[in-house]
Amino acid sequence: MSPSFPDVVFNFNLIPPRLINDYKSNNCTFYFRDVKPPTPNTTVCNDLWKQINNLWKGLNWYDLFRKVYPQTAQTDAVNDT
């Protein structure tokens, strides 16, 4: 999904146009789990990335139509015998 994630959350109306426009105009690129370093690694890009992440926080980014279950619910489901 990365580095296309900002476009995805924009298309789901989770971030405002100003934010995606600033992100693109600064040529920002981020990868999840730091598989590659961000480019460019600037304060502007880092701040924009933080803003994007704060706006979708709490959502299931694997499936934006489903809610996120707490970790304990997942563990209980796996350990249920």
PDB file of N, CA and C in Angstrom:
ATOM      1  N   MET A   1       0.818  -1.181   0.000  1.00  0.00           N
ATOM      2  CA  MET A   1       0.000   0.000   0.000  1.00  0.00           C
ATOM      3  C   MET A   1       0.868   1.253   0.000  1.00  0.00           C
ATOM      4  N   SER A   2       1.979   1.221   0.695  1.00  0.00           N
ATOM      5  CA  SER A   2       2.810   2.405   0.694  1.00  0.00           C
ATOM      6  C   SER A   2       3.709   2.388  -0.536  1.00  0.00           C
ATOM      7  N   PRO A   3       4.044   3.483  -1.107  1.00  0.00           N
ATOM      8  CA  PRO A   3       3.829   4.855  -0.682  1.00  0.00           C
ATOM      9  C   PRO A   3       2.522   5.475  -1.186  1.00  0.00           C
ATOM     10  N   SER A   4       1.587   4.677  -1.635  1.00  0.00           N
ATOM     11  CA  SER A   4       0.325   5.220  -2.151  1.00  0.00           C
ATOM     12  C   SER A   4      -0.683   5.532  -1.049  1.00  0.00           C
ATOM     13  N   PHE A   5      -0.354   5.236   0.187  1.00  0.00           N
ATOM     14  CA  PHE A   5      -1.303   5.396   1.279  1.00  0.00           C
ATOM     15  C   PHE A   5      -1.892   6.802   1.391  1.00  0.00           C
ATOM     16  N   PRO A   6      -1.116   7.879   1.272  1.00  0.00           N
ATOM     17  CA  PRO A   6      -1.728   9.209   1.334  1.00  0.00           C
ATOM     18  C   PRO A   6      -2.816   9.413   0.283  1.00  0.00           C
ATOM     19  N   ASP A   7      -2.606   8.885  -0.928  1.00  0.00           N
ATOM     20  CA  ASP A   7      -3.646   8.986  -1.959  1.00  0.00           C
ATOM     21  C   ASP A   7      -4.891   8.193  -1.571  1.00  0.00           C
ATOM     22  N   VAL A   8      -4.694   7.039  -0.986  1.00  0.00           N
ATOM     23  CA  VAL A   8      -5.823   6.200  -0.581  1.00  0.00           C
ATOM     24  C   VAL A   8      -6.662   6.907   0.476  1.00  0.00           C
ATOM     25  N   VAL A   9      -6.026   7.413   1.530  1.00  0.00           N
ATOM     26  CA  VAL A   9      -6.801   8.073   2.577  1.00  0.00           C
ATOM     27  C   VAL A   9      -7.420   9.373   2.084  1.00  0.00           C
ATOM     28  N   PHE A  10      -6.787  10.022   1.116  1.00  0.00           N
ATOM     29  CA  PHE A  10      -7.403  11.206   0.514  1.00  0.00           C
ATOM     30  C   PHE A  10      -8.652  10.804  -0.257  1.00  0.00           C
ATOM     31  N   ASN A  11      -8.563   9.733  -1.040  1.00  0.00           N
ATOM     32  CA  ASN A  11      -9.718   9.284  -1.833  1.00  0.00           C
ATOM     33  C   ASN A  11     -10.873   8.795  -0.963  1.00  0.00           C
ATOM     34  N   PHE A  12     -10.581   8.405   0.266  1.00  0.00           N
ATOM     35  CA  PHE A  12     -11.628   8.046   1.223  1.00  0.00           C
ATOM     36  C   PHE A  12     -12.083   9.266   2.035  1.00  0.00           C
ATOM     37  N   ASN A  13     -11.622  10.445   1.638  1.00  0.00           N
ATOM     38  CA  ASN A  13     -11.970  11.705   2.314  1.00  0.00           C
ATOM     39  C   ASN A  13     -11.556  11.725   3.784  1.00  0.00           C
ATOM     40  N   LEU A  14     -10.443  11.098   4.094  1.00  0.00           N
ATOM     41  CA  LEU A  14      -9.950  11.086   5.466  1.00  0.00           C
ATOM     42  C   LEU A  14      -8.945  12.190   5.732  1.00  0.00           C
ATOM     43  N   ILE A  15      -8.385  12.747   4.665  1.00  0.00           N
ATOM     44  CA  ILE A  15      -7.490  13.890   4.814  1.00  0.00           C
ATOM     45  C   ILE A  15      -7.949  14.979   3.848  1.00  0.00           C
ATOM     46  N   PRO A  16      -7.727  16.236   4.202  1.00  0.00           N
ATOM     47  CA  PRO A  16      -8.185  17.334   3.352  1.00  0.00           C
ATOM     48  C   PRO A  16      -7.297  17.525   2.117  1.00  0.00           C
ATOM     49  N   PRO A  17      -7.854  18.136   1.072  1.00  0.00           N
ATOM     50  CA  PRO A  17      -7.065  18.389  -0.146  1.00  0.00           C
ATOM     51  C   PRO A  17      -5.782  19.169   0.124  1.00  0.00           C
ATOM     52  N   ARG A  18      -5.823  20.134   1.020  1.00  0.00           N
ATOM     53  CA  ARG A  18      -4.634  20.917   1.324  1.00  0.00           C
ATOM     54  C   ARG A  18      -3.478  20.024   1.756  1.00  0.00           C
ATOM     55  N   LEU A  19      -3.786  19.018   2.560  1.00  0.00           N
ATOM     56  CA  LEU A  19      -2.750  18.146   3.093  1.00  0.00           C
ATOM     57  C   LEU A  19      -2.126  17.279   1.997  1.00  0.00           C
ATOM     58  N   ILE A  20      -2.946  16.698   1.152  1.00  0.00           N
ATOM     59  CA  ILE A  20      -2.385  15.868   0.070  1.00  0.00           C
ATOM     60  C   ILE A  20      -1.637  16.727  -0.941  1.00  0.00           C
ATOM     61  N   ASN A  21      -2.133  17.930  -1.196  1.00  0.00           N
ATOM     62  CA  ASN A  21      -1.441  18.825  -2.124  1.00  0.00           C
ATOM     63  C   ASN A  21      -0.076  19.240  -1.587  1.00  0.00           C
ATOM     64  N   ASP A  22      -0.011  19.567  -0.300  1.00  0.00           N
ATOM     65  CA  ASP A  22       1.276  19.919   0.315  1.00  0.00           C
ATOM     66  C   ASP A  22       2.232  18.732   0.290  1.00  0.00           C
ATOM     67  N   TYR A  23       1.702  17.555   0.579  1.00  0.00           N
ATOM     68  CA  TYR A  23       2.508  16.332   0.581  1.00  0.00           C
ATOM     69  C   TYR A  23       3.120  16.096  -0.800  1.00  0.00           C
ATOM     70  N   LYS A  24       2.298  16.223  -1.830  1.00  0.00           N
ATOM     71  CA  LYS A  24       2.789  15.984  -3.194  1.00  0.00           C
ATOM     72  C   LYS A  24       3.708  17.103  -3.683  1.00  0.00           C
ATOM     73  N   SER A  25       3.366  18.343  -3.363  1.00  0.00           N
ATOM     74  CA  SER A  25       4.189  19.454  -3.850  1.00  0.00           C
ATOM     75  C   SER A  25       5.583  19.452  -3.216  1.00  0.00           C
ATOM     76  N   ASN A  26       5.709  18.817  -2.064  1.00  0.00           N
ATOM     77  CA  ASN A  26       7.021  18.680  -1.422  1.00  0.00           C
ATOM     78  C   ASN A  26       7.709  17.369  -1.783  1.00  0.00           C
ATOM     79  N   ASN A  27       7.098  16.604  -2.692  1.00  0.00           N
ATOM     80  CA  ASN A  27       7.660  15.324  -3.158  1.00  0.00           C
ATOM     81  C   ASN A  27       7.953  14.357  -2.024  1.00  0.00           C
ATOM     82  N   CYS A  28       7.067  14.320  -1.043  1.00  0.00           N
ATOM     83  CA  CYS A  28       7.252  13.444   0.111  1.00  0.00           C
ATOM     84  C   CYS A  28       6.895  12.003  -0.247  1.00  0.00           C
ATOM     85  N   THR A  29       7.684  11.075   0.244  1.00  0.00           N
ATOM     86  CA  THR A  29       7.417   9.650   0.095  1.00  0.00           C
ATOM     87  C   THR A  29       7.809   8.950   1.387  1.00  0.00           C
ATOM     88  N   PHE A  30       6.860   8.193   1.940  1.00  0.00           N
ATOM     89  CA  PHE A  30       7.124   7.424   3.158  1.00  0.00           C
ATOM     90  C   PHE A  30       6.759   5.982   2.910  1.00  0.00           C
ATOM     91  N   TYR A  31       7.453   5.086   3.586  1.00  0.00           N
ATOM     92  CA  TYR A  31       7.201   3.660   3.494  1.00  0.00           C
ATOM     93  C   TYR A  31       6.886   3.137   4.881  1.00  0.00           C
ATOM     94  N   PHE A  32       5.910   2.247   4.972  1.00  0.00           N
ATOM     95  CA  PHE A  32       5.565   1.665   6.262  1.00  0.00           C
ATOM     96  C   PHE A  32       6.679   0.766   6.756  1.00  0.00           C
ATOM     97  N   ARG A  33       6.786   0.740   8.077  1.00  0.00           N
ATOM     98  CA  ARG A  33       7.787  -0.076   8.769  1.00  0.00           C
ATOM     99  C   ARG A  33       9.209   0.247   8.317  1.00  0.00           C
ATOM    100  N   ASP A  34       9.369   1.454   7.791  1.00  0.00           N
ATOM    101  CA  ASP A  34      10.700   1.955   7.426  1.00  0.00           C
ATOM    102  C   ASP A  34      11.485   1.007   6.525  1.00  0.00           C
ATOM    103  N   VAL A  35      10.789   0.366   5.553  1.00  0.00           N
ATOM    104  CA  VAL A  35      11.516  -0.514   4.635  1.00  0.00           C
ATOM    105  C   VAL A  35      12.484   0.272   3.769  1.00  0.00           C
ATOM    106  N   LYS A  36      12.198   1.553   3.579  1.00  0.00           N
ATOM    107  CA  LYS A  36      13.103   2.489   2.922  1.00  0.00           C
ATOM    108  C   LYS A  36      13.018   3.797   3.693  1.00  0.00           C
ATOM    109  N   PRO A  37      14.070   4.572   3.684  1.00  0.00           N
ATOM    110  CA  PRO A  37      13.997   5.860   4.377  1.00  0.00           C
ATOM    111  C   PRO A  37      13.059   6.817   3.641  1.00  0.00           C
ATOM    112  N   PRO A  38      12.424   7.738   4.373  1.00  0.00           N
ATOM    113  CA  PRO A  38      11.563   8.718   3.715  1.00  0.00           C
ATOM    114  C   PRO A  38      12.376   9.622   2.798  1.00  0.00           C
ATOM    115  N   THR A  39      11.731  10.049   1.727  1.00  0.00           N
ATOM    116  CA  THR A  39      12.396  10.990   0.819  1.00  0.00           C
ATOM    117  C   THR A  39      11.453  12.126   0.498  1.00  0.00           C
ATOM    118  N   PRO A  40      11.896  13.334   0.511  1.00  0.00           N
ATOM    119  CA  PRO A  40      13.101  13.750   1.216  1.00  0.00           C
ATOM    120  C   PRO A  40      12.866  13.720   2.712  1.00  0.00           C
ATOM    121  N   ASN A  41      13.890  13.527   3.469  1.00  0.00           N
ATOM    122  CA  ASN A  41      13.777  13.458   4.923  1.00  0.00           C
ATOM    123  C   ASN A  41      13.877  14.882   5.486  1.00  0.00           C
ATOM    124  N   THR A  42      12.770  15.622   5.348  1.00  0.00           N
ATOM    125  CA  THR A  42      12.747  17.022   5.781  1.00  0.00           C
ATOM    126  C   THR A  42      11.723  17.191   6.893  1.00  0.00           C
ATOM    127  N   THR A  43      11.842  18.290   7.598  1.00  0.00           N
ATOM    128  CA  THR A  43      10.884  18.616   8.647  1.00  0.00           C
ATOM    129  C   THR A  43       9.482  18.769   8.065  1.00  0.00           C
ATOM    130  N   VAL A  44       9.391  19.397   6.897  1.00  0.00           N
ATOM    131  CA  VAL A  44       8.079  19.599   6.257  1.00  0.00           C
ATOM    132  C   VAL A  44       7.424  18.257   5.969  1.00  0.00           C
ATOM    133  N   CYS A  45       8.150  17.346   5.331  1.00  0.00           N
ATOM    134  CA  CYS A  45       7.584  16.031   5.006  1.00  0.00           C
ATOM    135  C   CYS A  45       7.245  15.241   6.265  1.00  0.00           C
ATOM    136  N   ASN A  46       8.121  15.291   7.252  1.00  0.00           N
ATOM    137  CA  ASN A  46       7.845  14.575   8.501  1.00  0.00           C
ATOM    138  C   ASN A  46       6.591  15.112   9.180  1.00  0.00           C
ATOM    139  N   ASP A  47       6.420  16.427   9.190  1.00  0.00           N
ATOM    140  CA  ASP A  47       5.220  17.020   9.789  1.00  0.00           C
ATOM    141  C   ASP A  47       3.958  16.643   9.013  1.00  0.00           C
ATOM    142  N   LEU A  48       4.044  16.673   7.683  1.00  0.00           N
ATOM    143  CA  LEU A  48       2.886  16.294   6.869  1.00  0.00           C
ATOM    144  C   LEU A  48       2.511  14.831   7.095  1.00  0.00           C
ATOM    145  N   TRP A  49       3.516  13.966   7.186  1.00  0.00           N
ATOM    146  CA  TRP A  49       3.278  12.545   7.421  1.00  0.00           C
ATOM    147  C   TRP A  49       2.602  12.326   8.775  1.00  0.00           C
ATOM    148  N   LYS A  50       3.050  13.057   9.784  1.00  0.00           N
ATOM    149  CA  LYS A  50       2.425  12.958  11.111  1.00  0.00           C
ATOM    150  C   LYS A  50       0.968  13.409  11.060  1.00  0.00           C
ATOM    151  N   GLN A  51       0.701  14.489  10.344  1.00  0.00           N
ATOM    152  CA  GLN A  51      -0.680  14.976  10.217  1.00  0.00           C
ATOM    153  C   GLN A  51      -1.561  13.944   9.527  1.00  0.00           C
ATOM    154  N   ILE A  52      -1.061  13.342   8.468  1.00  0.00           N
ATOM    155  CA  ILE A  52      -1.823  12.316   7.746  1.00  0.00           C
ATOM    156  C   ILE A  52      -2.124  11.150   8.677  1.00  0.00           C
ATOM    157  N   ASN A  53      -1.117  10.696   9.406  1.00  0.00           N
ATOM    158  CA  ASN A  53      -1.312   9.561  10.312  1.00  0.00           C
ATOM    159  C   ASN A  53      -2.269   9.874  11.447  1.00  0.00           C
ATOM    160  N   ASN A  54      -2.245  11.092  11.951  1.00  0.00           N
ATOM    161  CA  ASN A  54      -3.156  11.470  13.027  1.00  0.00           C
ATOM    162  C   ASN A  54      -4.608  11.477  12.569  1.00  0.00           C
ATOM    163  N   LEU A  55      -4.851  11.764  11.295  1.00  0.00           N
ATOM    164  CA  LEU A  55      -6.227  11.839  10.801  1.00  0.00           C
ATOM    165  C   LEU A  55      -6.860  10.468  10.563  1.00  0.00           C
ATOM    166  N   TRP A  56      -6.079   9.459  10.268  1.00  0.00           N
ATOM    167  CA  TRP A  56      -6.680   8.130  10.058  1.00  0.00           C
ATOM    168  C   TRP A  56      -6.494   7.222  11.264  1.00  0.00           C
ATOM    169  N   LYS A  57      -5.854   7.737  12.313  1.00  0.00           N
ATOM    170  CA  LYS A  57      -5.574   6.935  13.510  1.00  0.00           C
ATOM    171  C   LYS A  57      -6.849   6.265  14.024  1.00  0.00           C
ATOM    172  N   GLY A  58      -6.758   5.018  14.367  1.00  0.00           N
ATOM    173  CA  GLY A  58      -7.903   4.280  14.894  1.00  0.00           C
ATOM    174  C   GLY A  58      -8.691   3.541  13.833  1.00  0.00           C
ATOM    175  N   LEU A  59      -8.331   3.729  12.569  1.00  0.00           N
ATOM    176  CA  LEU A  59      -9.014   3.015  11.492  1.00  0.00           C
ATOM    177  C   LEU A  59      -8.202   1.790  11.079  1.00  0.00           C
ATOM    178  N   ASN A  60      -8.882   0.832  10.500  1.00  0.00           N
ATOM    179  CA  ASN A  60      -8.237  -0.373  10.005  1.00  0.00           C
ATOM    180  C   ASN A  60      -7.703  -0.072   8.609  1.00  0.00           C
ATOM    181  N   TRP A  61      -6.418   0.188   8.467  1.00  0.00           N
ATOM    182  CA  TRP A  61      -5.908   0.596   7.159  1.00  0.00           C
ATOM    183  C   TRP A  61      -5.805  -0.565   6.171  1.00  0.00           C
ATOM    184  N   TYR A  62      -6.006  -1.794   6.635  1.00  0.00           N
ATOM    185  CA  TYR A  62      -6.094  -2.919   5.702  1.00  0.00           C
ATOM    186  C   TYR A  62      -7.457  -2.953   5.030  1.00  0.00           C
ATOM    187  N   ASP A  63      -8.466  -2.461   5.717  1.00  0.00           N
ATOM    188  CA  ASP A  63      -9.823  -2.412   5.178  1.00  0.00           C
ATOM    189  C   ASP A  63     -10.537  -1.246   5.850  1.00  0.00           C
ATOM    190  N   LEU A  64     -10.590  -0.111   5.166  1.00  0.00           N
ATOM    191  CA  LEU A  64     -11.127   1.113   5.759  1.00  0.00           C
ATOM    192  C   LEU A  64     -12.620   1.038   6.040  1.00  0.00           C
ATOM    193  N   PHE A  65     -13.281  -0.021   5.592  1.00  0.00           N
ATOM    194  CA  PHE A  65     -14.708  -0.192   5.866  1.00  0.00           C
ATOM    195  C   PHE A  65     -14.966  -0.972   7.154  1.00  0.00           C
ATOM    196  N   ARG A  66     -13.929  -1.538   7.730  1.00  0.00           N
ATOM    197  CA  ARG A  66     -14.089  -2.340   8.952  1.00  0.00           C
ATOM    198  C   ARG A  66     -13.458  -1.646  10.139  1.00  0.00           C
ATOM    199  N   LYS A  67     -14.032  -1.879  11.304  1.00  0.00           N
ATOM    200  CA  LYS A  67     -13.474  -1.251  12.489  1.00  0.00           C
ATOM    201  C   LYS A  67     -12.262  -2.027  12.993  1.00  0.00           C
ATOM    202  N   VAL A  68     -11.504  -1.387  13.837  1.00  0.00           N
ATOM    203  CA  VAL A  68     -10.331  -1.996  14.449  1.00  0.00           C
ATOM    204  C   VAL A  68     -10.767  -2.604  15.776  1.00  0.00           C
ATOM    205  N   TYR A  69     -10.393  -3.846  15.990  1.00  0.00           N
ATOM    206  CA  TYR A  69     -10.703  -4.517  17.246  1.00  0.00           C
ATOM    207  C   TYR A  69      -9.514  -4.411  18.179  1.00  0.00           C
ATOM    208  N   PRO A  70      -9.773  -4.270  19.467  1.00  0.00           N
ATOM    209  CA  PRO A  70      -8.646  -4.190  20.402  1.00  0.00           C
ATOM    210  C   PRO A  70      -7.817  -5.470  20.369  1.00  0.00           C
ATOM    211  N   GLN A  71      -6.551  -5.339  20.678  1.00  0.00           N
ATOM    212  CA  GLN A  71      -5.633  -6.478  20.651  1.00  0.00           C
ATOM    213  C   GLN A  71      -6.137  -7.616  21.533  1.00  0.00           C
ATOM    214  N   THR A  72      -6.772  -7.320  22.664  1.00  0.00           N
ATOM    215  CA  THR A  72      -7.260  -8.381  23.549  1.00  0.00           C
ATOM    216  C   THR A  72      -8.340  -9.206  22.881  1.00  0.00           C
ATOM    217  N   ALA A  73      -9.179  -8.591  22.051  1.00  0.00           N
ATOM    218  CA  ALA A  73     -10.216  -9.344  21.353  1.00  0.00           C
ATOM    219  C   ALA A  73      -9.592 -10.299  20.344  1.00  0.00           C
ATOM    220  N   GLN A  74      -8.537  -9.863  19.682  1.00  0.00           N
ATOM    221  CA  GLN A  74      -7.850 -10.730  18.730  1.00  0.00           C
ATOM    222  C   GLN A  74      -7.189 -11.896  19.444  1.00  0.00           C
ATOM    223  N   THR A  75      -6.545 -11.628  20.557  1.00  0.00           N
ATOM    224  CA  THR A  75      -5.874 -12.677  21.327  1.00  0.00           C
ATOM    225  C   THR A  75      -6.891 -13.665  21.870  1.00  0.00           C
ATOM    226  N   ASP A  76      -8.012 -13.176  22.385  1.00  0.00           N
ATOM    227  CA  ASP A  76      -9.042 -14.057  22.925  1.00  0.00           C
ATOM    228  C   ASP A  76      -9.601 -14.967  21.832  1.00  0.00           C
ATOM    229  N   ALA A  77      -9.779 -14.442  20.634  1.00  0.00           N
ATOM    230  CA  ALA A  77     -10.324 -15.234  19.533  1.00  0.00           C
ATOM    231  C   ALA A  77      -9.357 -16.349  19.132  1.00  0.00           C
ATOM    232  N   VAL A  78      -8.063 -16.068  19.142  1.00  0.00           N
ATOM    233  CA  VAL A  78      -7.060 -17.064  18.786  1.00  0.00           C
ATOM    234  C   VAL A  78      -6.943 -18.139  19.877  1.00  0.00           C
ATOM    235  N   ASN A  79      -7.041 -17.715  21.127  1.00  0.00           N
ATOM    236  CA  ASN A  79      -6.855 -18.651  22.246  1.00  0.00           C
ATOM    237  C   ASN A  79      -8.134 -19.393  22.626  1.00  0.00           C
ATOM    238  N   ASP A  80      -9.235 -19.095  21.979  1.00  0.00           N
ATOM    239  CA  ASP A  80     -10.513 -19.755  22.304  1.00  0.00           C
ATOM    240  C   ASP A  80     -10.454 -21.208  21.867  1.00  0.00           C
ATOM    241  N   THR A  81     -10.718 -22.120  22.800  1.00  0.00           N
ATOM    242  CA  THR A  81     -10.674 -23.552  22.442  1.00  0.00           C
ATOM    243  C   THR A  81     -12.020 -24.189  22.662  1.00  0.00           C
TER     244      THR A  81
END
